[in-house]
Amino acid sequence: MVLIAALASVALPAQPPVYVYHEPGAVGYGYFDVPKQVEMEAFHLHLCEALAGALTDAGFKASVIDAREWLRLCNERRRCVVVDIGQFPSHVLYEGQDDGSPIEGWLNAGGILVYSGDWPFFWYAGSDGRIHGEGAMDRGDDDIFGADLVRDGFVDMTVEPTEAGKKWLPSLRAGGTLRPFDADAVARACPWYEFYSLGKRTEADGTVHTASDALCFRLPKGEGFFAAFHLRRGAHTDTNQIIYEFLTRRLAAVLAEGGKP
């Protein structure tokens, strides 16, 4: 698994460390789909190690961490990036609570989460060894972001790269998305945001939904940032490439433009 060097990337100072999340022995990896002949956990670890290795080669401090290590970063309110590709967070990080989860505290204090997979903060891996979907009031994104930014009516839309997406993420392509963000809700709630892909759908009653599958925003009421790419099923090797491009080509400017935490 090879990541292509980001085009026109430049070395910028003060890049925060990057940690790629892989929890050994976890109950499933979200909507992470790989060929049947491949062992899912081993493939996911290889995906994470490939990204961390490529980022290290690009000058970042990067490594793979598990849930306990991510919990330590949360408790220390460490300013860093955590990348979560297709793996539901462990119950030690978030278990559907309305307020007070370690991830919420870390993000509010300035953490940077880069995510890919199904509905963020709806699903989590429980202490009973099962996957749960009981985010508070069935809207886990509300708990973390303090605003309803992901909605059922946006399921299965098609999105295309924006001009910002074409500029910063050369590997980003048009395609389907499972549960994208409500772009209008993000624009209303967030003090800073950037859409890398957008799509529109008009319902029978005339309601227009504008969705973003690739985006970054500053939390509505916190100091941290959340970026998401490919909110859908897949092996996410293409997601790995796009995340690499985002971190090497755009992250430093995002932190500066969006209000550096």
C-alpha atoms as a PDB file:
ATOM      1  CA  MET A   1       0.000   0.000   0.000  1.00  0.00           C
ATOM      2  CA  VAL A   2       1.780   3.108  -1.247  1.00  0.00           C
ATOM      3  CA  LEU A   3       0.765   6.700  -0.648  1.00  0.00           C
ATOM      4  CA  ILE A   4       1.690   9.114  -3.410  1.00  0.00           C
ATOM      5  CA  ALA A   5       3.602  12.196  -2.266  1.00  0.00           C
ATOM      6  CA  ALA A   6       1.366  15.249  -2.070  1.00  0.00           C
ATOM      7  CA  LEU A   7       1.800  17.510  -5.068  1.00  0.00           C
ATOM      8  CA  ALA A   8       3.251  20.929  -4.315  1.00  0.00           C
ATOM      9  CA  SER A   9       3.338  20.265  -0.580  1.00  0.00           C
ATOM     10  CA  VAL A  10       5.609  22.501   1.440  1.00  0.00           C
ATOM     11  CA  ALA A  11       7.251  22.103   4.815  1.00  0.00           C
ATOM     12  CA  LEU A  12       5.475  24.314   7.328  1.00  0.00           C
ATOM     13  CA  PRO A  13       6.506  24.856  10.946  1.00  0.00           C
ATOM     14  CA  ALA A  14       4.624  23.797  14.045  1.00  0.00           C
ATOM     15  CA  GLN A  15       2.829  20.830  12.513  1.00  0.00           C
ATOM     16  CA  PRO A  16       1.029  19.021  15.344  1.00  0.00           C
ATOM     17  CA  PRO A  17       1.793  15.324  15.866  1.00  0.00           C
ATOM     18  CA  VAL A  18      -0.505  12.835  14.124  1.00  0.00           C
ATOM     19  CA  TYR A  19      -1.822   9.638  15.707  1.00  0.00           C
ATOM     20  CA  VAL A  20      -3.681   7.036  13.632  1.00  0.00           C
ATOM     21  CA  TYR A  21      -6.277   5.057  15.603  1.00  0.00           C
ATOM     22  CA  HIS A  22      -6.295   1.266  15.506  1.00  0.00           C
ATOM     23  CA  GLU A  23      -7.815  -0.755  18.342  1.00  0.00           C
ATOM     24  CA  PRO A  24      -6.627  -4.405  18.340  1.00  0.00           C
ATOM     25  CA  GLY A  25      -9.352  -6.980  18.861  1.00  0.00           C
ATOM     26  CA  ALA A  26     -12.136  -4.430  18.505  1.00  0.00           C
ATOM     27  CA  VAL A  27     -15.687  -5.453  17.584  1.00  0.00           C
ATOM     28  CA  GLY A  28     -15.816  -4.444  13.961  1.00  0.00           C
ATOM     29  CA  TYR A  29     -14.416  -1.523  12.062  1.00  0.00           C
ATOM     30  CA  GLY A  30     -17.495   0.476  11.224  1.00  0.00           C
ATOM     31  CA  TYR A  31     -18.270   0.429   7.551  1.00  0.00           C
ATOM     32  CA  PHE A  32     -14.785  -0.776   6.684  1.00  0.00           C
ATOM     33  CA  ASP A  33     -15.132  -3.277   3.826  1.00  0.00           C
ATOM     34  CA  VAL A  34     -12.232  -5.285   2.435  1.00  0.00           C
ATOM     35  CA  PRO A  35     -12.060  -8.270   0.068  1.00  0.00           C
ATOM     36  CA  LYS A  36     -13.296 -11.464   1.728  1.00  0.00           C
ATOM     37  CA  GLN A  37      -9.917 -13.157   1.409  1.00  0.00           C
ATOM     38  CA  VAL A  38      -8.321 -10.417   3.538  1.00  0.00           C
ATOM     39  CA  GLU A  39      -8.409 -10.451   7.344  1.00  0.00           C
ATOM     40  CA  MET A  40     -10.104  -7.171   8.292  1.00  0.00           C
ATOM     41  CA  GLU A  41      -8.120  -6.257  11.390  1.00  0.00           C
ATOM     42  CA  ALA A  42      -4.755  -6.951   9.760  1.00  0.00           C
ATOM     43  CA  PHE A  43      -5.720  -4.901   6.710  1.00  0.00           C
ATOM     44  CA  HIS A  44      -6.875  -2.006   8.876  1.00  0.00           C
ATOM     45  CA  LEU A  45      -3.603  -2.042  10.811  1.00  0.00           C
ATOM     46  CA  HIS A  46      -1.650  -2.080   7.546  1.00  0.00           C
ATOM     47  CA  LEU A  47      -3.720   0.895   6.327  1.00  0.00           C
ATOM     48  CA  CYS A  48      -2.955   2.835   9.518  1.00  0.00           C
ATOM     49  CA  GLU A  49       0.742   1.964   9.476  1.00  0.00           C
ATOM     50  CA  ALA A  50       1.037   3.004   5.829  1.00  0.00           C
ATOM     51  CA  LEU A  51      -0.439   6.428   6.577  1.00  0.00           C
ATOM     52  CA  ALA A  52       1.710   6.952   9.682  1.00  0.00           C
ATOM     53  CA  GLY A  53       4.812   5.897   7.755  1.00  0.00           C
ATOM     54  CA  ALA A  54       4.113   8.233   4.845  1.00  0.00           C
ATOM     55  CA  LEU A  55       3.491  11.148   7.220  1.00  0.00           C
ATOM     56  CA  THR A  56       6.740  10.406   9.041  1.00  0.00           C
ATOM     57  CA  ASP A  57       8.566  10.498   5.715  1.00  0.00           C
ATOM     58  CA  ALA A  58       6.883  13.883   5.052  1.00  0.00           C
ATOM     59  CA  GLY A  59       8.315  15.326   8.260  1.00  0.00           C
ATOM     60  CA  PHE A  60       5.460  14.763  10.702  1.00  0.00           C
ATOM     61  CA  LYS A  61       5.692  13.050  14.051  1.00  0.00           C
ATOM     62  CA  ALA A  62       3.248  10.204  13.365  1.00  0.00           C
ATOM     63  CA  SER A  63       2.394   6.830  14.913  1.00  0.00           C
ATOM     64  CA  VAL A  64      -0.416   4.317  15.393  1.00  0.00           C
ATOM     65  CA  ILE A  65      -2.233   4.368  18.758  1.00  0.00           C
ATOM     66  CA  ASP A  66      -4.952   2.338  20.485  1.00  0.00           C
ATOM     67  CA  ALA A  67      -7.948   3.500  22.538  1.00  0.00           C
ATOM     68  CA  ARG A  68      -6.048   3.745  25.827  1.00  0.00           C
ATOM     69  CA  GLU A  69      -3.391   5.919  24.233  1.00  0.00           C
ATOM     70  CA  TRP A  70      -6.052   8.129  22.637  1.00  0.00           C
ATOM     71  CA  LEU A  71      -7.737   8.381  26.049  1.00  0.00           C
ATOM     72  CA  ARG A  72      -4.470   9.628  27.524  1.00  0.00           C
ATOM     73  CA  LEU A  73      -4.273  12.320  24.828  1.00  0.00           C
ATOM     74  CA  CYS A  74      -7.850  13.315  25.650  1.00  0.00           C
ATOM     75  CA  ASN A  75      -7.217  13.497  29.380  1.00  0.00           C
ATOM     76  CA  GLU A  76      -4.090  15.582  28.833  1.00  0.00           C
ATOM     77  CA  ARG A  77      -6.003  17.833  26.405  1.00  0.00           C
ATOM     78  CA  ARG A  78      -3.105  17.272  24.014  1.00  0.00           C
ATOM     79  CA  ARG A  79      -3.062  19.462  20.916  1.00  0.00           C
ATOM     80  CA  CYS A  80      -2.618  16.889  18.176  1.00  0.00           C
ATOM     81  CA  VAL A  81      -4.325  15.200  15.235  1.00  0.00           C
ATOM     82  CA  VAL A  82      -6.040  11.827  15.582  1.00  0.00           C
ATOM     83  CA  VAL A  83      -7.041  10.022  12.381  1.00  0.00           C
ATOM     84  CA  ASP A  84      -9.868   7.490  12.679  1.00  0.00           C
ATOM     85  CA  ILE A  85     -10.541   5.538   9.492  1.00  0.00           C
ATOM     86  CA  GLY A  86     -13.606   3.330   9.590  1.00  0.00           C
ATOM     87  CA  GLN A  87     -13.310   2.202  13.227  1.00  0.00           C
ATOM     88  CA  PHE A  88     -15.982   2.998  15.808  1.00  0.00           C
ATOM     89  CA  PRO A  89     -14.556   4.662  18.918  1.00  0.00           C
ATOM     90  CA  SER A  90     -14.108   2.555  22.041  1.00  0.00           C
ATOM     91  CA  HIS A  91     -16.498   3.049  24.967  1.00  0.00           C
ATOM     92  CA  VAL A  92     -13.571   4.459  26.983  1.00  0.00           C
ATOM     93  CA  LEU A  93     -13.569   7.414  24.569  1.00  0.00           C
ATOM     94  CA  TYR A  94     -17.288   7.867  23.923  1.00  0.00           C
ATOM     95  CA  GLU A  95     -20.344   5.816  24.788  1.00  0.00           C
ATOM     96  CA  GLY A  96     -23.266   7.950  23.708  1.00  0.00           C
ATOM     97  CA  GLN A  97     -23.243  10.363  26.632  1.00  0.00           C
ATOM     98  CA  ASP A  98     -24.823  13.763  26.171  1.00  0.00           C
ATOM     99  CA  ASP A  99     -21.873  15.611  27.700  1.00  0.00           C
ATOM    100  CA  GLY A 100     -18.530  14.885  29.237  1.00  0.00           C
ATOM    101  CA  SER A 101     -17.012  12.217  26.987  1.00  0.00           C
ATOM    102  CA  PRO A 102     -13.195  12.250  26.773  1.00  0.00           C
ATOM    103  CA  ILE A 103     -13.363  12.910  23.009  1.00  0.00           C
ATOM    104  CA  GLU A 104     -15.662  15.897  23.498  1.00  0.00           C
ATOM    105  CA  GLY A 105     -13.367  17.415  26.128  1.00  0.00           C
ATOM    106  CA  TRP A 106     -10.315  16.912  23.927  1.00  0.00           C
ATOM    107  CA  LEU A 107     -11.966  18.465  20.858  1.00  0.00           C
ATOM    108  CA  ASN A 108     -13.302  21.414  22.821  1.00  0.00           C
ATOM    109  CA  ALA A 109      -9.790  22.051  24.137  1.00  0.00           C
ATOM    110  CA  GLY A 110      -8.261  22.139  20.651  1.00  0.00           C
ATOM    111  CA  GLY A 111      -7.937  18.567  19.421  1.00  0.00           C
ATOM    112  CA  ILE A 112      -8.095  17.850  15.678  1.00  0.00           C
ATOM    113  CA  LEU A 113      -9.998  14.757  14.552  1.00  0.00           C
ATOM    114  CA  VAL A 114      -9.847  13.461  10.977  1.00  0.00           C
ATOM    115  CA  TYR A 115     -12.588  10.888  10.445  1.00  0.00           C
ATOM    116  CA  SER A 116     -13.893   8.504   7.812  1.00  0.00           C
ATOM    117  CA  GLY A 117     -16.743   6.015   8.033  1.00  0.00           C
ATOM    118  CA  ASP A 118     -20.427   5.962   8.937  1.00  0.00           C
ATOM    119  CA  TRP A 119     -22.310   8.530  11.046  1.00  0.00           C
ATOM    120  CA  PRO A 120     -19.719  10.026  13.433  1.00  0.00           C
ATOM    121  CA  PHE A 121     -20.495   9.608  17.140  1.00  0.00           C
ATOM    122  CA  PHE A 122     -23.666   7.642  16.602  1.00  0.00           C
ATOM    123  CA  TRP A 123     -21.900   4.272  16.745  1.00  0.00           C
ATOM    124  CA  TYR A 124     -19.408   3.154  19.363  1.00  0.00           C
ATOM    125  CA  ALA A 125     -17.846  -0.101  20.581  1.00  0.00           C
ATOM    126  CA  GLY A 126     -19.376  -1.014  23.949  1.00  0.00           C
ATOM    127  CA  SER A 127     -17.747  -2.631  26.962  1.00  0.00           C
ATOM    128  CA  ASP A 128     -19.944  -5.677  26.324  1.00  0.00           C
ATOM    129  CA  GLY A 129     -18.115  -6.440  23.079  1.00  0.00           C
ATOM    130  CA  ARG A 130     -20.948  -5.229  20.858  1.00  0.00           C
ATOM    131  CA  ILE A 131     -21.516  -2.264  18.567  1.00  0.00           C
ATOM    132  CA  HIS A 132     -24.016   0.278  19.898  1.00  0.00           C
ATOM    133  CA  GLY A 133     -25.907   3.019  18.108  1.00  0.00           C
ATOM    134  CA  GLU A 134     -27.411   4.790  21.059  1.00  0.00           C
ATOM    135  CA  GLY A 135     -26.024   8.268  20.829  1.00  0.00           C
ATOM    136  CA  ALA A 136     -28.072  10.540  23.074  1.00  0.00           C
ATOM    137  CA  MET A 137     -31.480  11.127  21.453  1.00  0.00           C
ATOM    138  CA  ASP A 138     -30.159   9.053  18.520  1.00  0.00           C
ATOM    139  CA  ARG A 139     -28.042  12.023  17.447  1.00  0.00           C
ATOM    140  CA  GLY A 140     -24.538  11.356  18.632  1.00  0.00           C
ATOM    141  CA  ASP A 141     -23.081  14.159  16.541  1.00  0.00           C
ATOM    142  CA  ASP A 142     -25.151  16.598  18.637  1.00  0.00           C
ATOM    143  CA  ASP A 143     -23.345  15.420  21.764  1.00  0.00           C
ATOM    144  CA  ILE A 144     -19.861  16.110  20.439  1.00  0.00           C
ATOM    145  CA  PHE A 145     -20.391  19.083  18.147  1.00  0.00           C
ATOM    146  CA  GLY A 146     -23.113  20.891  20.073  1.00  0.00           C
ATOM    147  CA  ALA A 147     -25.170  21.152  16.866  1.00  0.00           C
ATOM    148  CA  ASP A 148     -27.125  18.785  14.627  1.00  0.00           C
ATOM    149  CA  LEU A 149     -24.849  18.564  11.598  1.00  0.00           C
ATOM    150  CA  VAL A 150     -25.611  15.056  10.269  1.00  0.00           C
ATOM    151  CA  ARG A 151     -29.210  14.227   9.302  1.00  0.00           C
ATOM    152  CA  ASP A 152     -31.116  11.177   8.117  1.00  0.00           C
ATOM    153  CA  GLY A 153     -32.558  12.956   5.073  1.00  0.00           C
ATOM    154  CA  PHE A 154     -29.124  13.224   3.507  1.00  0.00           C
ATOM    155  CA  VAL A 155     -28.457   9.479   3.219  1.00  0.00           C
ATOM    156  CA  ASP A 156     -27.084   8.162  -0.105  1.00  0.00           C
ATOM    157  CA  MET A 157     -26.314  11.349  -1.970  1.00  0.00           C
ATOM    158  CA  THR A 158     -23.777  12.037  -4.710  1.00  0.00           C
ATOM    159  CA  VAL A 159     -21.120  14.698  -4.145  1.00  0.00           C
ATOM    160  CA  GLU A 160     -18.515  16.324  -6.373  1.00  0.00           C
ATOM    161  CA  PRO A 161     -15.270  18.138  -5.544  1.00  0.00           C
ATOM    162  CA  THR A 162     -15.506  21.887  -4.965  1.00  0.00           C
ATOM    163  CA  GLU A 163     -12.833  24.295  -6.161  1.00  0.00           C
ATOM    164  CA  ALA A 164     -11.189  23.997  -2.738  1.00  0.00           C
ATOM    165  CA  GLY A 165     -11.320  20.226  -3.031  1.00  0.00           C
ATOM    166  CA  LYS A 166      -9.710  20.275  -6.468  1.00  0.00           C
ATOM    167  CA  LYS A 167      -6.989  22.621  -5.247  1.00  0.00           C
ATOM    168  CA  TRP A 168      -5.998  20.872  -2.033  1.00  0.00           C
ATOM    169  CA  LEU A 169      -7.013  17.252  -2.572  1.00  0.00           C
ATOM    170  CA  PRO A 170      -5.989  16.180  -6.077  1.00  0.00           C
ATOM    171  CA  SER A 171      -7.058  12.562  -5.449  1.00  0.00           C
ATOM    172  CA  LEU A 172     -10.635  13.488  -4.458  1.00  0.00           C
ATOM    173  CA  ARG A 173     -13.258  12.257  -6.942  1.00  0.00           C
ATOM    174  CA  ALA A 174     -17.007  12.533  -7.360  1.00  0.00           C
ATOM    175  CA  GLY A 175     -18.976   9.663  -5.893  1.00  0.00           C
ATOM    176  CA  GLY A 176     -21.609   8.401  -3.540  1.00  0.00           C
ATOM    177  CA  THR A 177     -21.731   9.027   0.185  1.00  0.00           C
ATOM    178  CA  LEU A 178     -23.630   7.191   2.899  1.00  0.00           C
ATOM    179  CA  ARG A 179     -24.232   9.809   5.588  1.00  0.00           C
ATOM    180  CA  PRO A 180     -22.807  13.220   4.631  1.00  0.00           C
ATOM    181  CA  PHE A 181     -22.932  16.437   6.628  1.00  0.00           C
ATOM    182  CA  ASP A 182     -25.694  18.999   6.183  1.00  0.00           C
ATOM    183  CA  ALA A 183     -23.678  21.781   4.562  1.00  0.00           C
ATOM    184  CA  ASP A 184     -26.195  24.485   5.462  1.00  0.00           C
ATOM    185  CA  ALA A 185     -26.206  23.421   9.112  1.00  0.00           C
ATOM    186  CA  VAL A 186     -22.394  23.497   9.186  1.00  0.00           C
ATOM    187  CA  ALA A 187     -22.380  26.982   7.637  1.00  0.00           C
ATOM    188  CA  ARG A 188     -24.858  28.235  10.248  1.00  0.00           C
ATOM    189  CA  ALA A 189     -23.258  26.666  13.298  1.00  0.00           C
ATOM    190  CA  CYS A 190     -19.498  26.720  12.752  1.00  0.00           C
ATOM    191  CA  PRO A 191     -17.241  29.780  13.089  1.00  0.00           C
ATOM    192  CA  TRP A 192     -14.990  28.432  10.315  1.00  0.00           C
ATOM    193  CA  TYR A 193     -15.531  25.726   7.691  1.00  0.00           C
ATOM    194  CA  GLU A 194     -14.298  24.563   4.309  1.00  0.00           C
ATOM    195  CA  PHE A 195     -16.192  22.246   1.954  1.00  0.00           C
ATOM    196  CA  TYR A 196     -14.142  19.965  -0.307  1.00  0.00           C
ATOM    197  CA  SER A 197     -17.153  18.217  -1.876  1.00  0.00           C
ATOM    198  CA  LEU A 198     -20.808  19.162  -2.232  1.00  0.00           C
ATOM    199  CA  GLY A 199     -23.992  17.653  -3.633  1.00  0.00           C
ATOM    200  CA  LYS A 200     -27.634  18.730  -3.849  1.00  0.00           C
ATOM    201  CA  ARG A 201     -30.909  16.829  -3.870  1.00  0.00           C
ATOM    202  CA  THR A 202     -34.430  18.218  -4.178  1.00  0.00           C
ATOM    203  CA  GLU A 203     -37.156  16.269  -2.382  1.00  0.00           C
ATOM    204  CA  ALA A 204     -40.733  15.831  -3.653  1.00  0.00           C
ATOM    205  CA  ASP A 205     -41.916  18.651  -1.390  1.00  0.00           C
ATOM    206  CA  GLY A 206     -39.354  21.042  -2.851  1.00  0.00           C
ATOM    207  CA  THR A 207     -36.925  20.852   0.058  1.00  0.00           C
ATOM    208  CA  VAL A 208     -33.336  21.176  -1.122  1.00  0.00           C
ATOM    209  CA  HIS A 209     -30.648  19.270   0.755  1.00  0.00           C
ATOM    210  CA  THR A 210     -27.038  20.380   0.316  1.00  0.00           C
ATOM    211  CA  ALA A 211     -24.572  17.771   1.533  1.00  0.00           C
ATOM    212  CA  SER A 212     -20.826  17.716   2.096  1.00  0.00           C
ATOM    213  CA  ASP A 213     -18.904  14.461   2.355  1.00  0.00           C
ATOM    214  CA  ALA A 214     -15.409  15.942   2.386  1.00  0.00           C
ATOM    215  CA  LEU A 215     -15.081  18.953   4.684  1.00  0.00           C
ATOM    216  CA  CYS A 216     -13.351  20.518   7.647  1.00  0.00           C
ATOM    217  CA  PHE A 217     -14.837  22.796  10.298  1.00  0.00           C
ATOM    218  CA  ARG A 218     -14.040  24.338  13.640  1.00  0.00           C
ATOM    219  CA  LEU A 219     -16.360  23.104  16.373  1.00  0.00           C
ATOM    220  CA  PRO A 220     -19.382  25.366  16.908  1.00  0.00           C
ATOM    221  CA  LYS A 221     -18.556  25.899  20.591  1.00  0.00           C
ATOM    222  CA  GLY A 222     -15.010  24.593  20.964  1.00  0.00           C
ATOM    223  CA  GLU A 223     -11.430  25.238  19.972  1.00  0.00           C
ATOM    224  CA  GLY A 224     -10.873  22.040  18.004  1.00  0.00           C
ATOM    225  CA  PHE A 225     -11.370  20.999  14.396  1.00  0.00           C
ATOM    226  CA  PHE A 226     -13.153  18.086  12.732  1.00  0.00           C
ATOM    227  CA  ALA A 227     -12.428  16.916   9.194  1.00  0.00           C
ATOM    228  CA  ALA A 228     -14.261  14.113   7.392  1.00  0.00           C
ATOM    229  CA  PHE A 229     -13.633  12.278   4.140  1.00  0.00           C
ATOM    230  CA  HIS A 230     -15.641   9.429   2.567  1.00  0.00           C
ATOM    231  CA  LEU A 231     -18.519   8.890   4.975  1.00  0.00           C
ATOM    232  CA  ARG A 232     -19.371   5.512   3.496  1.00  0.00           C
ATOM    233  CA  ARG A 233     -18.457   1.842   3.232  1.00  0.00           C
ATOM    234  CA  GLY A 234     -15.180   0.893   1.612  1.00  0.00           C
ATOM    235  CA  ALA A 235     -11.644  -0.362   2.071  1.00  0.00           C
ATOM    236  CA  HIS A 236     -10.610   3.313   2.338  1.00  0.00           C
ATOM    237  CA  THR A 237      -7.277   3.032   0.583  1.00  0.00           C
ATOM    238  CA  ASP A 238      -8.343   6.076  -1.459  1.00  0.00           C
ATOM    239  CA  THR A 239      -9.377   7.773   1.795  1.00  0.00           C
ATOM    240  CA  ASN A 240      -5.892   7.164   3.137  1.00  0.00           C
ATOM    241  CA  GLN A 241      -4.450   9.066   0.185  1.00  0.00           C
ATOM    242  CA  ILE A 242      -6.863  11.987   0.579  1.00  0.00           C
ATOM    243  CA  ILE A 243      -6.188  12.275   4.305  1.00  0.00           C
ATOM    244  CA  TYR A 244      -2.468  12.332   3.542  1.00  0.00           C
ATOM    245  CA  GLU A 245      -3.032  15.166   1.080  1.00  0.00           C
ATOM    246  CA  PHE A 246      -5.148  17.095   3.579  1.00  0.00           C
ATOM    247  CA  LEU A 247      -2.554  16.799   6.341  1.00  0.00           C
ATOM    248  CA  THR A 248       0.461  17.626   4.180  1.00  0.00           C
ATOM    249  CA  ARG A 249      -1.098  20.266   1.903  1.00  0.00           C
ATOM    250  CA  ARG A 250      -3.783  22.018   3.943  1.00  0.00           C
ATOM    251  CA  LEU A 251      -3.695  21.384   7.704  1.00  0.00           C
ATOM    252  CA  ALA A 252      -1.278  24.152   8.706  1.00  0.00           C
ATOM    253  CA  ALA A 253      -3.307  26.792   6.857  1.00  0.00           C
ATOM    254  CA  VAL A 254      -6.578  25.427   8.281  1.00  0.00           C
ATOM    255  CA  LEU A 255      -5.298  25.905  11.826  1.00  0.00           C
ATOM    256  CA  ALA A 256      -4.164  29.427  10.990  1.00  0.00           C
ATOM    257  CA  GLU A 257      -7.249  30.500   9.039  1.00  0.00           C
ATOM    258  CA  GLY A 258      -9.756  28.824  11.326  1.00  0.00           C
ATOM    259  CA  GLY A 259      -8.310  30.215  14.537  1.00  0.00           C
ATOM    260  CA  LYS A 260      -5.315  28.266  15.684  1.00  0.00           C
ATOM    261  CA  PRO A 261      -6.186  26.278  18.830  1.00  0.00           C
END
